[in-house]
Amino acid sequence: MGTWIKCSDERGQIVYVNIANAITLLRNESHHRGTVIAFMGTSDHLSVRETPEDILKAAKAKTHTKAPPRA
């Protein structure tokens, strides 16, 4: 199971990122905004408009709002 975060790509289209599979979140210095996300098991990466701080904040909020497992 992963933590899916709603982001916007460089063209403004909505993309969902499974942050549990991300290995790095780097500030996109070439555009002075946004984040470049690299994933496990691939050389592919994704550029999004959100900052690394915004992505981590959203991921943290999602993990704290999950319902506890049923016994």
Protein backbone atom coordinates (compact mmCIF):
# COMPACT_ATOMS: atom_id res chain seq x y z
CA MET A 1 0.00 0.00 0.00
CA GLY A 2 1.26 3.45 -0.75
CA THR A 3 0.64 7.05 0.09
CA TRP A 4 -0.75 8.74 -3.01
CA ILE A 5 -0.29 12.50 -3.26
CA LYS A 6 -2.16 14.68 -5.74
CA CYS A 7 0.26 16.97 -7.61
CA SER A 8 0.35 19.04 -10.80
CA ASP A 9 2.86 18.35 -13.55
CA GLU A 10 4.69 21.17 -15.34
CA ARG A 11 1.75 21.65 -17.74
CA GLY A 12 -0.72 21.94 -14.86
CA GLN A 13 -2.30 18.51 -15.32
CA ILE A 14 -3.14 16.51 -12.22
CA VAL A 15 -0.92 13.52 -11.47
CA TYR A 16 -1.01 11.15 -8.49
CA VAL A 17 2.35 10.22 -7.02
CA ASN A 18 2.92 7.16 -4.83
CA ILE A 19 5.34 8.85 -2.48
CA ALA A 20 6.19 5.48 -0.88
CA ASN A 21 8.07 4.59 -4.09
CA ALA A 22 9.99 7.86 -4.29
CA ILE A 23 13.70 7.72 -3.49
CA THR A 24 14.49 11.42 -3.86
CA LEU A 25 12.65 14.72 -3.88
CA LEU A 26 14.86 17.45 -5.33
CA ARG A 27 13.98 21.09 -5.71
CA ASN A 28 13.74 21.85 -9.43
CA GLU A 29 16.55 24.41 -9.68
CA SER A 30 16.24 24.78 -13.45
CA HIS A 31 12.76 26.31 -13.11
CA HIS A 32 13.26 27.81 -9.61
CA ARG A 33 10.08 26.11 -8.46
CA GLY A 34 8.63 22.68 -8.02
CA THR A 35 10.19 19.29 -7.42
CA VAL A 36 11.85 16.53 -9.41
CA ILE A 37 10.86 13.11 -8.00
CA ALA A 38 12.93 9.98 -8.68
CA PHE A 39 11.46 6.53 -8.11
CA MET A 40 12.75 3.12 -7.00
CA GLY A 41 13.65 0.59 -9.67
CA THR A 42 13.72 3.02 -12.59
CA SER A 43 15.73 5.88 -14.00
CA ASP A 44 12.49 7.76 -14.74
CA HIS A 45 11.66 10.92 -12.88
CA LEU A 46 8.69 13.27 -12.66
CA SER A 47 8.66 17.07 -12.39
CA VAL A 48 5.79 18.60 -10.44
CA ARG A 49 4.88 22.15 -9.45
CA GLU A 50 4.66 21.48 -5.71
CA THR A 51 7.68 22.08 -3.48
CA PRO A 52 9.36 19.19 -1.65
CA GLU A 53 8.04 20.66 1.61
CA ASP A 54 4.46 20.69 0.30
CA ILE A 55 4.72 17.06 -0.85
CA LEU A 56 6.13 15.85 2.46
CA LYS A 57 3.53 17.85 4.39
CA ALA A 58 0.71 16.24 2.36
CA ALA A 59 2.21 12.76 2.85
CA LYS A 60 2.50 13.31 6.60
CA ALA A 61 -1.11 14.52 6.79
CA LYS A 62 -2.32 11.43 4.91
CA THR A 63 -0.49 9.01 7.21
CA HIS A 64 -1.96 10.71 10.28
CA THR A 65 -5.54 10.61 9.00
CA LYS A 66 -5.72 6.89 8.23
CA ALA A 67 -8.22 4.91 10.22
CA PRO A 68 -6.69 2.43 12.66
CA PRO A 69 -6.78 -1.22 11.57
CA ARG A 70 -9.74 -3.25 12.72
CA ALA A 71 -9.06 -5.91 15.31
